Amino acid sequence: MKLWLSTVALVLMLSFSCFAAPSDSMDYRVGEGDVLRVLVYDNPDLETTTRISGNGTILFPLIGEVKIDGYTVSEVAQDLSKKLAQGYIIDPQVSVFVQEFRSQKTIIMGEVKVPGLYELSGPSSLMELISKAGGLTIDAGDLVTIKRKDLSQPEIDQIISVSLKSLLEKKENVSNLMIVDGDSVFVPRAGVFYVTGQVNRPAAYKLEEGTSVIKAITMAGGFTELASQRKIQIIRKVDDKESVLKKVPLHTPVQADDVIVVPESFF
């Protein structure tokens, strides 16, 4: 468990640039307050630096006022190219860069050291946000939830679940890991289980995905010489009622709040 948390902390410090890749900036949706730099190939006189106004527009030479609020950076370039091609320039090649990002806000709650409201400058990764919040607590669970407004259906929230373990193993889709304006991020508390009886380190342990009884025993330091390995019991709550599973196989999956009891052998 400690090794896993240490690995997360190390990746948080090293991976900012890995997850906020330059290609992601082309999918960034511009809005009020962003400052854009626009270049038109072979037309240096059209180079423009402009801030998006409160009504979501910019002023551009030849074209005049252009509404671009909510467009991605690549869509802004395409729209300006299309308008310049309408009697102004033959086959215009337009490049758009975000020179200054507007203040964006996101909330992160749960098992981080400093939960709260954070301002982000431009595209930011989940890892960067967690780092801004002081990192994970020792009780943090693996599955992080991101609640996001669906632009096509504003009344419906989009829910994105991200496994930190899969993220570290690069199994997650990177497009799901970028935090956008208005996101709410929740890091849950991890489930725990308990190992008691004839093990070397009886205690509570953090439940990880795929934990079996034998893995739990290993985490607890293994059996003592007096352990009855064939009479392991699990005390488990089912529908708020406590039940006892007897002589459980070592490959039995462990659930949150399970109490694994390793009795003493009398033979």
C-alpha atoms as a PDB file:
ATOM      1  CA  MET A   1       0.000   0.000   0.000  1.00  0.00           C
ATOM      2  CA  LYS A   2       2.760   2.460   0.961  1.00  0.00           C
ATOM      3  CA  LEU A   3       4.646   1.587  -2.220  1.00  0.00           C
ATOM      4  CA  TRP A   4       1.551   2.321  -4.324  1.00  0.00           C
ATOM      5  CA  LEU A   5       1.048   5.731  -2.664  1.00  0.00           C
ATOM      6  CA  SER A   6       4.728   6.569  -3.094  1.00  0.00           C
ATOM      7  CA  THR A   7       4.506   5.704  -6.777  1.00  0.00           C
ATOM      8  CA  VAL A   8       1.457   7.957  -7.158  1.00  0.00           C
ATOM      9  CA  ALA A   9       3.280  10.813  -5.451  1.00  0.00           C
ATOM     10  CA  LEU A  10       6.311  10.399  -7.707  1.00  0.00           C
ATOM     11  CA  VAL A  11       4.209  10.383 -10.852  1.00  0.00           C
ATOM     12  CA  LEU A  12       2.322  13.477  -9.664  1.00  0.00           C
ATOM     13  CA  MET A  13       5.617  15.365  -9.486  1.00  0.00           C
ATOM     14  CA  LEU A  14       6.967  14.167 -12.838  1.00  0.00           C
ATOM     15  CA  SER A  15       4.004  13.838 -15.176  1.00  0.00           C
ATOM     16  CA  PHE A  16       2.555  17.314 -15.715  1.00  0.00           C
ATOM     17  CA  SER A  17       4.000  17.684 -19.194  1.00  0.00           C
ATOM     18  CA  CYS A  18       3.195  14.099 -20.082  1.00  0.00           C
ATOM     19  CA  PHE A  19      -0.546  14.499 -19.670  1.00  0.00           C
ATOM     20  CA  ALA A  20      -0.979  18.093 -20.817  1.00  0.00           C
ATOM     21  CA  ALA A  21       0.353  17.343 -24.275  1.00  0.00           C
ATOM     22  CA  PRO A  22       0.534  20.138 -26.854  1.00  0.00           C
ATOM     23  CA  SER A  23      -2.017  18.403 -29.075  1.00  0.00           C
ATOM     24  CA  ASP A  24      -4.606  18.850 -26.304  1.00  0.00           C
ATOM     25  CA  SER A  25      -4.414  22.633 -26.669  1.00  0.00           C
ATOM     26  CA  MET A  26      -6.020  22.339 -30.109  1.00  0.00           C
ATOM     27  CA  ASP A  27      -9.107  20.870 -28.422  1.00  0.00           C
ATOM     28  CA  TYR A  28      -9.230  23.615 -25.780  1.00  0.00           C
ATOM     29  CA  ARG A  29     -12.504  25.555 -25.998  1.00  0.00           C
ATOM     30  CA  VAL A  30     -11.897  29.274 -25.966  1.00  0.00           C
ATOM     31  CA  GLY A  31     -14.040  31.730 -24.064  1.00  0.00           C
ATOM     32  CA  GLU A  32     -14.328  35.171 -22.550  1.00  0.00           C
ATOM     33  CA  GLY A  33     -10.983  36.492 -21.354  1.00  0.00           C
ATOM     34  CA  ASP A  34      -8.732  34.242 -23.433  1.00  0.00           C
ATOM     35  CA  VAL A  35      -6.062  36.076 -25.430  1.00  0.00           C
ATOM     36  CA  LEU A  36      -5.460  34.629 -28.897  1.00  0.00           C
ATOM     37  CA  ARG A  37      -2.565  35.160 -31.275  1.00  0.00           C
ATOM     38  CA  VAL A  38      -3.571  34.685 -34.910  1.00  0.00           C
ATOM     39  CA  LEU A  39      -1.083  34.268 -37.770  1.00  0.00           C
ATOM     40  CA  VAL A  40      -1.931  34.124 -41.477  1.00  0.00           C
ATOM     41  CA  TYR A  41       0.799  32.550 -43.603  1.00  0.00           C
ATOM     42  CA  ASP A  42       2.496  34.977 -45.978  1.00  0.00           C
ATOM     43  CA  ASN A  43       0.372  37.858 -44.625  1.00  0.00           C
ATOM     44  CA  PRO A  44       2.333  39.364 -41.712  1.00  0.00           C
ATOM     45  CA  ASP A  45       0.137  42.468 -41.725  1.00  0.00           C
ATOM     46  CA  LEU A  46      -2.771  40.300 -40.524  1.00  0.00           C
ATOM     47  CA  GLU A  47      -0.950  39.037 -37.430  1.00  0.00           C
ATOM     48  CA  THR A  48      -3.277  39.820 -34.544  1.00  0.00           C
ATOM     49  CA  THR A  49      -3.287  39.460 -30.770  1.00  0.00           C
ATOM     50  CA  THR A  50      -6.796  39.850 -29.389  1.00  0.00           C
ATOM     51  CA  ARG A  51      -8.778  39.140 -26.229  1.00  0.00           C
ATOM     52  CA  ILE A  52     -12.186  37.464 -26.492  1.00  0.00           C
ATOM     53  CA  SER A  53     -14.840  39.922 -25.344  1.00  0.00           C
ATOM     54  CA  GLY A  54     -17.702  39.408 -22.912  1.00  0.00           C
ATOM     55  CA  ASN A  55     -20.044  38.495 -25.749  1.00  0.00           C
ATOM     56  CA  GLY A  56     -17.631  35.876 -27.067  1.00  0.00           C
ATOM     57  CA  THR A  57     -16.263  37.776 -30.059  1.00  0.00           C
ATOM     58  CA  ILE A  58     -12.932  39.055 -31.403  1.00  0.00           C
ATOM     59  CA  LEU A  59     -12.095  41.772 -33.913  1.00  0.00           C
ATOM     60  CA  PHE A  60     -10.013  40.633 -36.873  1.00  0.00           C
ATOM     61  CA  PRO A  61      -8.641  42.661 -39.802  1.00  0.00           C
ATOM     62  CA  LEU A  62     -10.715  42.583 -43.003  1.00  0.00           C
ATOM     63  CA  ILE A  63     -13.412  40.424 -41.400  1.00  0.00           C
ATOM     64  CA  GLY A  64     -14.450  42.574 -38.452  1.00  0.00           C
ATOM     65  CA  GLU A  65     -16.260  41.060 -35.468  1.00  0.00           C
ATOM     66  CA  VAL A  66     -16.239  37.245 -35.289  1.00  0.00           C
ATOM     67  CA  LYS A  67     -18.130  35.179 -32.701  1.00  0.00           C
ATOM     68  CA  ILE A  68     -15.967  32.271 -31.527  1.00  0.00           C
ATOM     69  CA  ASP A  69     -17.056  31.593 -27.943  1.00  0.00           C
ATOM     70  CA  GLY A  70     -17.080  27.844 -27.263  1.00  0.00           C
ATOM     71  CA  TYR A  71     -15.025  26.974 -30.349  1.00  0.00           C
ATOM     72  CA  THR A  72     -11.933  24.810 -30.036  1.00  0.00           C
ATOM     73  CA  VAL A  73      -8.654  26.414 -31.089  1.00  0.00           C
ATOM     74  CA  SER A  74      -8.665  24.396 -34.315  1.00  0.00           C
ATOM     75  CA  GLU A  75     -12.280  25.443 -35.032  1.00  0.00           C
ATOM     76  CA  VAL A  76     -11.325  29.119 -34.609  1.00  0.00           C
ATOM     77  CA  ALA A  77      -8.565  28.671 -37.211  1.00  0.00           C
ATOM     78  CA  GLN A  78     -10.963  26.939 -39.614  1.00  0.00           C
ATOM     79  CA  ASP A  79     -13.640  29.617 -39.188  1.00  0.00           C
ATOM     80  CA  LEU A  80     -11.194  32.480 -39.803  1.00  0.00           C
ATOM     81  CA  SER A  81      -9.782  30.667 -42.853  1.00  0.00           C
ATOM     82  CA  LYS A  82     -13.259  30.236 -44.282  1.00  0.00           C
ATOM     83  CA  LYS A  83     -14.142  33.910 -43.772  1.00  0.00           C
ATOM     84  CA  LEU A  84     -10.827  35.179 -45.199  1.00  0.00           C
ATOM     85  CA  ALA A  85     -11.346  33.000 -48.263  1.00  0.00           C
ATOM     86  CA  GLN A  86     -14.600  34.821 -49.018  1.00  0.00           C
ATOM     87  CA  GLY A  87     -13.075  37.449 -51.296  1.00  0.00           C
ATOM     88  CA  TYR A  88     -10.042  38.469 -49.245  1.00  0.00           C
ATOM     89  CA  ILE A  89      -7.242  35.881 -49.534  1.00  0.00           C
ATOM     90  CA  ILE A  90      -6.815  32.862 -51.786  1.00  0.00           C
ATOM     91  CA  ASP A  91      -6.427  29.647 -49.794  1.00  0.00           C
ATOM     92  CA  PRO A  92      -5.528  31.313 -46.467  1.00  0.00           C
ATOM     93  CA  GLN A  93      -3.464  29.293 -43.987  1.00  0.00           C
ATOM     94  CA  VAL A  94      -4.425  30.412 -40.473  1.00  0.00           C
ATOM     95  CA  SER A  95      -2.712  29.404 -37.225  1.00  0.00           C
ATOM     96  CA  VAL A  96      -4.218  30.206 -33.831  1.00  0.00           C
ATOM     97  CA  PHE A  97      -2.464  30.052 -30.457  1.00  0.00           C
ATOM     98  CA  VAL A  98      -3.792  30.745 -26.968  1.00  0.00           C
ATOM     99  CA  GLN A  99      -1.360  33.330 -25.639  1.00  0.00           C
ATOM    100  CA  GLU A 100      -3.113  33.836 -22.304  1.00  0.00           C
ATOM    101  CA  PHE A 101      -5.693  31.531 -20.786  1.00  0.00           C
ATOM    102  CA  ARG A 102      -8.670  32.905 -18.902  1.00  0.00           C
ATOM    103  CA  SER A 103      -9.163  31.914 -15.279  1.00  0.00           C
ATOM    104  CA  GLN A 104     -10.901  28.546 -15.102  1.00  0.00           C
ATOM    105  CA  LYS A 105     -12.271  26.979 -11.950  1.00  0.00           C
ATOM    106  CA  THR A 106     -12.674  23.402 -10.826  1.00  0.00           C
ATOM    107  CA  ILE A 107     -13.494  21.736  -7.520  1.00  0.00           C
ATOM    108  CA  ILE A 108     -11.706  18.738  -6.028  1.00  0.00           C
ATOM    109  CA  MET A 109     -13.088  17.077  -2.911  1.00  0.00           C
ATOM    110  CA  GLY A 110     -12.562  13.911  -0.921  1.00  0.00           C
ATOM    111  CA  GLU A 111      -9.282  12.257  -0.018  1.00  0.00           C
ATOM    112  CA  VAL A 112      -6.799  14.969  -1.039  1.00  0.00           C
ATOM    113  CA  LYS A 113      -4.803  16.959   1.479  1.00  0.00           C
ATOM    114  CA  VAL A 114      -6.219  20.391   0.559  1.00  0.00           C
ATOM    115  CA  PRO A 115      -9.687  19.981  -1.009  1.00  0.00           C
ATOM    116  CA  GLY A 116     -11.437  23.026  -2.425  1.00  0.00           C
ATOM    117  CA  LEU A 117     -11.884  25.347  -5.396  1.00  0.00           C
ATOM    118  CA  TYR A 118      -8.882  25.793  -7.691  1.00  0.00           C
ATOM    119  CA  GLU A 119      -8.122  28.093 -10.594  1.00  0.00           C
ATOM    120  CA  LEU A 120      -6.443  26.482 -13.598  1.00  0.00           C
ATOM    121  CA  SER A 121      -4.579  28.223 -16.373  1.00  0.00           C
ATOM    122  CA  GLY A 122      -5.348  26.439 -19.614  1.00  0.00           C
ATOM    123  CA  PRO A 123      -5.571  22.693 -20.192  1.00  0.00           C
ATOM    124  CA  SER A 124      -4.700  20.858 -16.977  1.00  0.00           C
ATOM    125  CA  SER A 125      -4.391  17.159 -16.250  1.00  0.00           C
ATOM    126  CA  LEU A 126      -6.032  15.245 -13.444  1.00  0.00           C
ATOM    127  CA  MET A 127      -2.569  14.571 -12.027  1.00  0.00           C
ATOM    128  CA  GLU A 128      -1.778  18.286 -11.983  1.00  0.00           C
ATOM    129  CA  LEU A 129      -5.010  19.086 -10.152  1.00  0.00           C
ATOM    130  CA  ILE A 130      -4.360  16.406  -7.521  1.00  0.00           C
ATOM    131  CA  SER A 131      -0.883  17.833  -7.019  1.00  0.00           C
ATOM    132  CA  LYS A 132      -2.294  21.358  -6.623  1.00  0.00           C
ATOM    133  CA  ALA A 133      -4.547  19.930  -3.912  1.00  0.00           C
ATOM    134  CA  GLY A 134      -1.508  18.694  -1.988  1.00  0.00           C
ATOM    135  CA  GLY A 135      -1.626  15.110  -3.219  1.00  0.00           C
ATOM    136  CA  LEU A 136      -3.620  12.108  -2.026  1.00  0.00           C
ATOM    137  CA  THR A 137      -4.221  11.245   1.602  1.00  0.00           C
ATOM    138  CA  ILE A 138      -3.185   7.831   2.872  1.00  0.00           C
ATOM    139  CA  ASP A 139      -6.874   6.804   2.867  1.00  0.00           C
ATOM    140  CA  ALA A 140      -7.464   7.665  -0.803  1.00  0.00           C
ATOM    141  CA  GLY A 141      -9.223   5.101  -2.955  1.00  0.00           C
ATOM    142  CA  ASP A 142      -8.241   4.144  -6.485  1.00  0.00           C
ATOM    143  CA  LEU A 143     -11.326   5.206  -8.461  1.00  0.00           C
ATOM    144  CA  VAL A 144     -11.610   8.978  -9.058  1.00  0.00           C
ATOM    145  CA  THR A 145     -14.886  10.457 -10.324  1.00  0.00           C
ATOM    146  CA  ILE A 146     -15.075  13.528 -12.574  1.00  0.00           C
ATOM    147  CA  LYS A 147     -18.490  15.199 -12.959  1.00  0.00           C
ATOM    148  CA  ARG A 148     -18.701  17.350 -16.086  1.00  0.00           C
ATOM    149  CA  LYS A 149     -21.402  19.382 -17.821  1.00  0.00           C
ATOM    150  CA  ASP A 150     -22.474  17.890 -21.145  1.00  0.00           C
ATOM    151  CA  LEU A 151     -22.373  20.768 -23.656  1.00  0.00           C
ATOM    152  CA  SER A 152     -24.907  19.053 -25.911  1.00  0.00           C
ATOM    153  CA  GLN A 153     -27.296  18.422 -22.984  1.00  0.00           C
ATOM    154  CA  PRO A 154     -26.594  21.062 -20.296  1.00  0.00           C
ATOM    155  CA  GLU A 155     -29.172  19.576 -17.926  1.00  0.00           C
ATOM    156  CA  ILE A 156     -27.273  16.260 -17.798  1.00  0.00           C
ATOM    157  CA  ASP A 157     -23.962  15.734 -16.028  1.00  0.00           C
ATOM    158  CA  GLN A 158     -21.376  13.487 -17.642  1.00  0.00           C
ATOM    159  CA  ILE A 159     -19.676  11.125 -15.184  1.00  0.00           C
ATOM    160  CA  ILE A 160     -16.098  10.006 -15.911  1.00  0.00           C
ATOM    161  CA  SER A 161     -14.454   7.357 -13.720  1.00  0.00           C
ATOM    162  CA  VAL A 162     -10.667   7.136 -13.684  1.00  0.00           C
ATOM    163  CA  SER A 163      -8.617   4.384 -12.046  1.00  0.00           C
ATOM    164  CA  LEU A 164      -5.397   5.868 -10.673  1.00  0.00           C
ATOM    165  CA  LYS A 165      -3.762   2.461 -10.821  1.00  0.00           C
ATOM    166  CA  SER A 166      -4.673   2.056 -14.503  1.00  0.00           C
ATOM    167  CA  LEU A 167      -3.522   5.617 -15.104  1.00  0.00           C
ATOM    168  CA  LEU A 168      -0.101   4.859 -13.700  1.00  0.00           C
ATOM    169  CA  GLU A 169       0.049   1.740 -15.859  1.00  0.00           C
ATOM    170  CA  LYS A 170      -1.005   3.878 -18.876  1.00  0.00           C
ATOM    171  CA  LYS A 171      -4.185   1.892 -19.454  1.00  0.00           C
ATOM    172  CA  GLU A 172      -6.519   4.898 -19.255  1.00  0.00           C
ATOM    173  CA  ASN A 173      -7.634   6.987 -22.246  1.00  0.00           C
ATOM    174  CA  VAL A 174      -5.655  10.247 -21.932  1.00  0.00           C
ATOM    175  CA  SER A 175      -8.568  12.291 -23.358  1.00  0.00           C
ATOM    176  CA  ASN A 176     -10.518  11.478 -20.169  1.00  0.00           C
ATOM    177  CA  LEU A 177      -7.792  12.871 -17.947  1.00  0.00           C
ATOM    178  CA  MET A 178      -7.849  16.540 -18.900  1.00  0.00           C
ATOM    179  CA  ILE A 179      -9.726  18.760 -16.444  1.00  0.00           C
ATOM    180  CA  VAL A 180     -11.919  21.488 -17.941  1.00  0.00           C
ATOM    181  CA  ASP A 181     -13.681  24.545 -16.563  1.00  0.00           C
ATOM    182  CA  GLY A 182     -16.516  23.606 -14.206  1.00  0.00           C
ATOM    183  CA  ASP A 183     -15.407  20.026 -13.512  1.00  0.00           C
ATOM    184  CA  SER A 184     -16.051  18.548 -10.065  1.00  0.00           C
ATOM    185  CA  VAL A 185     -13.519  15.909  -9.029  1.00  0.00           C
ATOM    186  CA  PHE A 186     -14.081  13.493  -6.152  1.00  0.00           C
ATOM    187  CA  VAL A 187     -11.450  11.175  -4.652  1.00  0.00           C
ATOM    188  CA  PRO A 188     -13.231   8.610  -2.434  1.00  0.00           C
ATOM    189  CA  ARG A 189     -11.976   6.956   0.717  1.00  0.00           C
ATOM    190  CA  ALA A 190     -10.641   3.476   0.064  1.00  0.00           C
ATOM    191  CA  GLY A 191     -12.369   0.460   1.528  1.00  0.00           C
ATOM    192  CA  VAL A 192     -10.522  -1.427   4.248  1.00  0.00           C
ATOM    193  CA  PHE A 193     -10.486  -4.982   5.543  1.00  0.00           C
ATOM    194  CA  TYR A 194      -9.128  -6.518   8.721  1.00  0.00           C
ATOM    195  CA  VAL A 195      -6.869  -9.495   9.361  1.00  0.00           C
ATOM    196  CA  THR A 196      -6.692 -10.959  12.833  1.00  0.00           C
ATOM    197  CA  GLY A 197      -5.602 -14.129  14.600  1.00  0.00           C
ATOM    198  CA  GLN A 198      -2.528 -16.151  13.734  1.00  0.00           C
ATOM    199  CA  VAL A 199      -0.788 -13.757  11.337  1.00  0.00           C
ATOM    200  CA  ASN A 200       2.407 -11.812  11.963  1.00  0.00           C
ATOM    201  CA  ARG A 201       0.912  -8.317  11.547  1.00  0.00           C
ATOM    202  CA  PRO A 202      -2.797  -8.307  12.454  1.00  0.00           C
ATOM    203  CA  ALA A 203      -4.258  -4.924  11.483  1.00  0.00           C
ATOM    204  CA  ALA A 204      -6.569  -3.034   9.120  1.00  0.00           C
ATOM    205  CA  TYR A 205      -5.437  -2.876   5.489  1.00  0.00           C
ATOM    206  CA  LYS A 206      -6.413  -0.836   2.461  1.00  0.00           C
ATOM    207  CA  LEU A 207      -8.537  -2.829   0.012  1.00  0.00           C
ATOM    208  CA  GLU A 208      -7.050  -2.927  -3.466  1.00  0.00           C
ATOM    209  CA  GLU A 209      -8.681  -4.265  -6.601  1.00  0.00           C
ATOM    210  CA  GLY A 210      -8.265  -8.036  -6.929  1.00  0.00           C
ATOM    211  CA  THR A 211      -7.356  -8.664  -3.284  1.00  0.00           C
ATOM    212  CA  SER A 212      -7.854 -12.326  -2.336  1.00  0.00           C
ATOM    213  CA  VAL A 213      -7.576 -14.024   1.052  1.00  0.00           C
ATOM    214  CA  ILE A 214      -4.034 -15.228   0.340  1.00  0.00           C
ATOM    215  CA  LYS A 215      -2.979 -11.724  -0.733  1.00  0.00           C
ATOM    216  CA  ALA A 216      -4.541 -10.325   2.443  1.00  0.00           C
ATOM    217  CA  ILE A 217      -2.634 -12.843   4.548  1.00  0.00           C
ATOM    218  CA  THR A 218       0.577 -11.886   2.742  1.00  0.00           C
ATOM    219  CA  MET A 219      -0.076  -8.195   3.447  1.00  0.00           C
ATOM    220  CA  ALA A 220      -0.481  -9.164   7.100  1.00  0.00           C
ATOM    221  CA  GLY A 221       2.975 -10.730   7.167  1.00  0.00           C
ATOM    222  CA  GLY A 222       1.942 -14.324   6.499  1.00  0.00           C
ATOM    223  CA  PHE A 223       0.837 -17.128   8.793  1.00  0.00           C
ATOM    224  CA  THR A 224       2.407 -17.781  12.174  1.00  0.00           C
ATOM    225  CA  GLU A 225       3.606 -21.267  13.038  1.00  0.00           C
ATOM    226  CA  LEU A 226       0.384 -21.846  14.993  1.00  0.00           C
ATOM    227  CA  ALA A 227      -1.996 -20.895  12.172  1.00  0.00           C
ATOM    228  CA  SER A 228      -4.696 -23.268  11.002  1.00  0.00           C
ATOM    229  CA  GLN A 229      -4.540 -22.512   7.284  1.00  0.00           C
ATOM    230  CA  ARG A 230      -7.544 -24.700   6.420  1.00  0.00           C
ATOM    231  CA  LYS A 231      -9.953 -23.113   8.881  1.00  0.00           C
ATOM    232  CA  ILE A 232      -9.808 -19.465   7.835  1.00  0.00           C
ATOM    233  CA  GLN A 233     -13.041 -17.570   8.443  1.00  0.00           C
ATOM    234  CA  ILE A 234     -14.432 -14.326   7.034  1.00  0.00           C
ATOM    235  CA  ILE A 235     -16.864 -12.249   9.087  1.00  0.00           C
ATOM    236  CA  ARG A 236     -18.863 -10.277   6.523  1.00  0.00           C
ATOM    237  CA  LYS A 237     -21.835  -7.934   6.651  1.00  0.00           C
ATOM    238  CA  VAL A 238     -24.584  -8.795   4.176  1.00  0.00           C
ATOM    239  CA  ASP A 239     -27.665  -6.542   4.133  1.00  0.00           C
ATOM    240  CA  ASP A 240     -26.572  -5.093   7.492  1.00  0.00           C
ATOM    241  CA  LYS A 241     -26.448  -8.574   8.992  1.00  0.00           C
ATOM    242  CA  GLU A 242     -23.224 -10.223  10.116  1.00  0.00           C
ATOM    243  CA  SER A 243     -22.482 -13.655   8.687  1.00  0.00           C
ATOM    244  CA  VAL A 244     -19.530 -15.998   9.125  1.00  0.00           C
ATOM    245  CA  LEU A 245     -17.986 -17.786   6.157  1.00  0.00           C
ATOM    246  CA  LYS A 246     -16.072 -20.863   7.346  1.00  0.00           C
ATOM    247  CA  LYS A 247     -13.120 -22.709   5.816  1.00  0.00           C
ATOM    248  CA  VAL A 248     -12.860 -20.188   2.996  1.00  0.00           C
ATOM    249  CA  PRO A 249     -10.498 -21.029   0.094  1.00  0.00           C
ATOM    250  CA  LEU A 250      -7.355 -18.901  -0.188  1.00  0.00           C
ATOM    251  CA  HIS A 251      -8.441 -17.536  -3.590  1.00  0.00           C
ATOM    252  CA  THR A 252     -11.698 -16.074  -2.161  1.00  0.00           C
ATOM    253  CA  PRO A 253     -12.071 -12.359  -3.100  1.00  0.00           C
ATOM    254  CA  VAL A 254     -11.990  -9.949  -0.159  1.00  0.00           C
ATOM    255  CA  GLN A 255     -14.682  -7.278   0.209  1.00  0.00           C
ATOM    256  CA  ALA A 256     -14.663  -3.950   2.037  1.00  0.00           C
ATOM    257  CA  ASP A 257     -15.092  -4.290   5.820  1.00  0.00           C
ATOM    258  CA  ASP A 258     -14.370  -8.028   5.781  1.00  0.00           C
ATOM    259  CA  VAL A 259     -12.728  -9.423   8.919  1.00  0.00           C
ATOM    260  CA  ILE A 260     -10.421 -12.320   8.062  1.00  0.00           C
ATOM    261  CA  VAL A 261      -9.853 -14.587  11.056  1.00  0.00           C
ATOM    262  CA  VAL A 262      -6.961 -17.063  11.075  1.00  0.00           C
ATOM    263  CA  PRO A 263      -7.546 -19.444  14.008  1.00  0.00           C
ATOM    264  CA  GLU A 264      -4.929 -21.317  15.973  1.00  0.00           C
ATOM    265  CA  SER A 265      -4.279 -24.943  15.131  1.00  0.00           C
ATOM    266  CA  PHE A 266      -4.512 -27.297  18.063  1.00  0.00           C
ATOM    267  CA  PHE A 267      -2.869 -30.215  16.278  1.00  0.00           C
END
